[in-house]
């Protein structure tokens, strides 16, 4: 029996959209909108990150690679791996938004969109894991 790939397609689309928002303006310093990567670089260069965020900052730069891992896992027919990687992407996106929101930098639309799509990523990954769990029991 061939199974539907609808959730996998939705997952890839949501992950791609979420990671695309990281290149949009996440914060405004002065009159300049800065992408999430520019904000992380500036915060590290100015030594503005506390101990927890210093450890978290390098993880931010792995988001595009984790997203690529989701696409590859779906292509290989490994939905559980894709969902696990997607949960990582979505969780880091929401944590990134929380970090920007709690900073003195003005929050821009990219951060809000990233948080919403990060949450959606976790939700779709959860649905995929639930489907895979019920499919496994049925076999």
C-alpha atoms as a PDB file:
ATOM      1  CA  UNK A   1       0.000   0.000   0.000  1.00  0.00           C
ATOM      2  CA  UNK A   2       1.420   3.375  -1.036  1.00  0.00           C
ATOM      3  CA  UNK A   3       1.179   6.045   1.638  1.00  0.00           C
ATOM      4  CA  UNK A   4       0.360   9.682   1.105  1.00  0.00           C
ATOM      5  CA  UNK A   5       3.211  12.172   1.047  1.00  0.00           C
ATOM      6  CA  UNK A   6       1.033  15.201   1.776  1.00  0.00           C
ATOM      7  CA  UNK A   7       2.436  15.881   5.248  1.00  0.00           C
ATOM      8  CA  UNK A   8       5.987  15.527   3.992  1.00  0.00           C
ATOM      9  CA  UNK A   9       5.332  18.055   1.222  1.00  0.00           C
ATOM     10  CA  UNK A  10       3.763  20.483   3.700  1.00  0.00           C
ATOM     11  CA  UNK A  11       6.681  19.965   6.084  1.00  0.00           C
ATOM     12  CA  UNK A  12       9.258  20.764   3.388  1.00  0.00           C
ATOM     13  CA  UNK A  13       7.310  23.874   2.361  1.00  0.00           C
ATOM     14  CA  UNK A  14       6.955  25.166   5.920  1.00  0.00           C
ATOM     15  CA  UNK A  15      10.611  24.493   6.772  1.00  0.00           C
ATOM     16  CA  UNK A  16      11.758  26.225   3.575  1.00  0.00           C
ATOM     17  CA  UNK A  17       9.545  29.236   4.293  1.00  0.00           C
ATOM     18  CA  UNK A  18      10.726  29.386   7.917  1.00  0.00           C
ATOM     19  CA  UNK A  19      14.393  29.353   6.968  1.00  0.00           C
ATOM     20  CA  UNK A  20      13.756  31.890   4.192  1.00  0.00           C
ATOM     21  CA  UNK A  21      12.567  34.337   6.859  1.00  0.00           C
ATOM     22  CA  UNK A  22      16.002  34.242   8.495  1.00  0.00           C
ATOM     23  CA  UNK A  23      17.293  36.277   5.548  1.00  0.00           C
ATOM     24  CA  UNK A  24      14.540  38.898   5.943  1.00  0.00           C
ATOM     25  CA  UNK A  25      14.907  41.789   8.407  1.00  0.00           C
ATOM     26  CA  UNK A  26      14.567  40.452  11.957  1.00  0.00           C
ATOM     27  CA  UNK A  27      15.468  43.584  13.823  1.00  0.00           C
ATOM     28  CA  UNK A  28      16.011  47.263  13.323  1.00  0.00           C
ATOM     29  CA  UNK A  29      18.987  49.102  14.729  1.00  0.00           C
ATOM     30  CA  UNK A  30      18.782  52.782  13.970  1.00  0.00           C
ATOM     31  CA  UNK A  31      17.149  52.983  10.563  1.00  0.00           C
ATOM     32  CA  UNK A  32      18.650  49.778   9.188  1.00  0.00           C
ATOM     33  CA  UNK A  33      16.792  46.457   9.095  1.00  0.00           C
ATOM     34  CA  UNK A  34      19.110  43.545   9.796  1.00  0.00           C
ATOM     35  CA  UNK A  35      18.693  39.873   8.976  1.00  0.00           C
ATOM     36  CA  UNK A  36      18.888  37.348  11.761  1.00  0.00           C
ATOM     37  CA  UNK A  37      22.435  36.454  10.730  1.00  0.00           C
ATOM     38  CA  UNK A  38      23.535  40.095  10.845  1.00  0.00           C
ATOM     39  CA  UNK A  39      21.980  40.450  14.298  1.00  0.00           C
ATOM     40  CA  UNK A  40      23.806  37.391  15.618  1.00  0.00           C
ATOM     41  CA  UNK A  41      27.111  38.602  14.169  1.00  0.00           C
ATOM     42  CA  UNK A  42      26.659  42.100  15.570  1.00  0.00           C
ATOM     43  CA  UNK A  43      25.665  40.804  19.006  1.00  0.00           C
ATOM     44  CA  UNK A  44      28.675  38.482  19.110  1.00  0.00           C
ATOM     45  CA  UNK A  45      31.064  41.195  17.890  1.00  0.00           C
ATOM     46  CA  UNK A  46      29.779  43.659  20.487  1.00  0.00           C
ATOM     47  CA  UNK A  47      29.835  41.003  23.235  1.00  0.00           C
ATOM     48  CA  UNK A  48      26.135  41.517  23.950  1.00  0.00           C
ATOM     49  CA  UNK A  49      25.218  37.856  24.378  1.00  0.00           C
ATOM     50  CA  UNK A  50      24.989  36.365  27.840  1.00  0.00           C
ATOM     51  CA  UNK A  51      26.481  32.938  28.553  1.00  0.00           C
ATOM     52  CA  UNK A  52      23.457  30.955  27.371  1.00  0.00           C
ATOM     53  CA  UNK A  53      23.084  32.835  24.114  1.00  0.00           C
ATOM     54  CA  UNK A  54      26.813  32.644  23.372  1.00  0.00           C
ATOM     55  CA  UNK A  55      26.414  28.872  23.210  1.00  0.00           C
ATOM     56  CA  UNK A  56      23.189  29.166  21.204  1.00  0.00           C
ATOM     57  CA  UNK A  57      24.497  31.630  18.582  1.00  0.00           C
ATOM     58  CA  UNK A  58      26.481  29.110  16.445  1.00  0.00           C
ATOM     59  CA  UNK A  59      23.386  26.896  16.201  1.00  0.00           C
ATOM     60  CA  UNK A  60      21.616  29.682  14.349  1.00  0.00           C
ATOM     61  CA  UNK A  61      23.970  29.369  11.395  1.00  0.00           C
ATOM     62  CA  UNK A  62      23.104  25.667  11.033  1.00  0.00           C
ATOM     63  CA  UNK A  63      19.427  26.346  10.226  1.00  0.00           C
ATOM     64  CA  UNK A  64      19.801  26.245   6.412  1.00  0.00           C
ATOM     65  CA  UNK A  65      21.734  22.970   6.702  1.00  0.00           C
ATOM     66  CA  UNK A  66      19.132  21.431   9.005  1.00  0.00           C
ATOM     67  CA  UNK A  67      16.442  22.496   6.527  1.00  0.00           C
ATOM     68  CA  UNK A  68      18.387  20.819   3.735  1.00  0.00           C
ATOM     69  CA  UNK A  69      18.526  17.728   5.942  1.00  0.00           C
ATOM     70  CA  UNK A  70      14.714  17.758   6.158  1.00  0.00           C
ATOM     71  CA  UNK A  71      14.444  17.832   2.361  1.00  0.00           C
ATOM     72  CA  UNK A  72      17.003  15.028   1.989  1.00  0.00           C
ATOM     73  CA  UNK A  73      15.307  12.884   4.652  1.00  0.00           C
ATOM     74  CA  UNK A  74      11.949  13.283   2.913  1.00  0.00           C
ATOM     75  CA  UNK A  75      13.568  12.360  -0.401  1.00  0.00           C
ATOM     76  CA  UNK A  76      15.069   9.249   1.160  1.00  0.00           C
ATOM     77  CA  UNK A  77      11.707   8.227   2.600  1.00  0.00           C
ATOM     78  CA  UNK A  78      12.744   8.816   6.226  1.00  0.00           C
ATOM     79  CA  UNK A  79       9.786  10.783   7.644  1.00  0.00           C
ATOM     80  CA  UNK A  80      10.788  10.354  11.301  1.00  0.00           C
ATOM     81  CA  UNK A  81      14.245  11.783  10.619  1.00  0.00           C
ATOM     82  CA  UNK A  82      12.699  14.640   8.628  1.00  0.00           C
ATOM     83  CA  UNK A  83      10.300  15.386  11.479  1.00  0.00           C
ATOM     84  CA  UNK A  84      13.079  15.304  14.073  1.00  0.00           C
ATOM     85  CA  UNK A  85      15.209  17.736  12.094  1.00  0.00           C
ATOM     86  CA  UNK A  86      12.178  19.941  11.496  1.00  0.00           C
ATOM     87  CA  UNK A  87      11.465  20.095  15.240  1.00  0.00           C
ATOM     88  CA  UNK A  88      15.026  21.338  15.719  1.00  0.00           C
ATOM     89  CA  UNK A  89      14.550  23.999  13.032  1.00  0.00           C
ATOM     90  CA  UNK A  90      11.203  25.161  14.409  1.00  0.00           C
ATOM     91  CA  UNK A  91      12.384  25.238  18.010  1.00  0.00           C
ATOM     92  CA  UNK A  92      15.499  27.249  17.179  1.00  0.00           C
ATOM     93  CA  UNK A  93      13.372  29.668  15.139  1.00  0.00           C
ATOM     94  CA  UNK A  94      11.056  30.319  18.073  1.00  0.00           C
ATOM     95  CA  UNK A  95      14.004  30.681  20.462  1.00  0.00           C
ATOM     96  CA  UNK A  96      15.604  33.151  18.049  1.00  0.00           C
ATOM     97  CA  UNK A  97      12.429  35.228  17.968  1.00  0.00           C
ATOM     98  CA  UNK A  98      12.284  35.204  21.770  1.00  0.00           C
ATOM     99  CA  UNK A  99      15.891  36.399  21.901  1.00  0.00           C
ATOM    100  CA  UNK A 100      15.221  39.283  19.506  1.00  0.00           C
ATOM    101  CA  UNK A 101      12.002  40.179  21.306  1.00  0.00           C
ATOM    102  CA  UNK A 102      13.793  40.433  24.638  1.00  0.00           C
ATOM    103  CA  UNK A 103      16.646  42.521  23.202  1.00  0.00           C
ATOM    104  CA  UNK A 104      16.769  46.307  22.820  1.00  0.00           C
ATOM    105  CA  UNK A 105      16.639  45.913  19.021  1.00  0.00           C
ATOM    106  CA  UNK A 106      13.301  46.651  17.422  1.00  0.00           C
ATOM    107  CA  UNK A 107      11.528  43.479  16.249  1.00  0.00           C
ATOM    108  CA  UNK A 108      10.914  43.417  12.493  1.00  0.00           C
ATOM    109  CA  UNK A 109       8.520  41.374  10.357  1.00  0.00           C
ATOM    110  CA  UNK A 110      11.038  38.628   9.576  1.00  0.00           C
ATOM    111  CA  UNK A 111      11.277  37.710  13.251  1.00  0.00           C
ATOM    112  CA  UNK A 112       7.511  37.502  13.663  1.00  0.00           C
ATOM    113  CA  UNK A 113       7.108  35.473  10.478  1.00  0.00           C
ATOM    114  CA  UNK A 114       9.983  33.235  11.579  1.00  0.00           C
ATOM    115  CA  UNK A 115       8.342  32.579  14.938  1.00  0.00           C
ATOM    116  CA  UNK A 116       4.978  31.770  13.358  1.00  0.00           C
ATOM    117  CA  UNK A 117       6.530  29.499  10.738  1.00  0.00           C
ATOM    118  CA  UNK A 118       8.807  27.931  13.360  1.00  0.00           C
ATOM    119  CA  UNK A 119       5.749  27.028  15.420  1.00  0.00           C
ATOM    120  CA  UNK A 120       4.009  25.714  12.308  1.00  0.00           C
ATOM    121  CA  UNK A 121       7.083  23.614  11.538  1.00  0.00           C
ATOM    122  CA  UNK A 122       6.937  21.972  14.965  1.00  0.00           C
ATOM    123  CA  UNK A 123       3.182  21.394  14.576  1.00  0.00           C
ATOM    124  CA  UNK A 124       3.474  19.746  11.142  1.00  0.00           C
ATOM    125  CA  UNK A 125       6.432  17.655  12.326  1.00  0.00           C
ATOM    126  CA  UNK A 126       4.328  16.532  15.288  1.00  0.00           C
ATOM    127  CA  UNK A 127       1.479  15.519  12.990  1.00  0.00           C
ATOM    128  CA  UNK A 128       3.932  13.581  10.851  1.00  0.00           C
ATOM    129  CA  UNK A 129       5.316  11.777  13.898  1.00  0.00           C
ATOM    130  CA  UNK A 130       1.804  10.931  15.089  1.00  0.00           C
ATOM    131  CA  UNK A 131       0.930   9.575  11.652  1.00  0.00           C
ATOM    132  CA  UNK A 132       4.124   7.531  11.526  1.00  0.00           C
ATOM    133  CA  UNK A 133       3.489   6.152  15.017  1.00  0.00           C
ATOM    134  CA  UNK A 134      -0.049   5.051  14.128  1.00  0.00           C
ATOM    135  CA  UNK A 135       1.131   3.628  10.798  1.00  0.00           C
ATOM    136  CA  UNK A 136       3.798   1.596  12.558  1.00  0.00           C
ATOM    137  CA  UNK A 137       1.257   0.088  14.987  1.00  0.00           C
ATOM    138  CA  UNK A 138      -1.090  -0.796  12.128  1.00  0.00           C
ATOM    139  CA  UNK A 139       1.527  -2.852  10.309  1.00  0.00           C
END
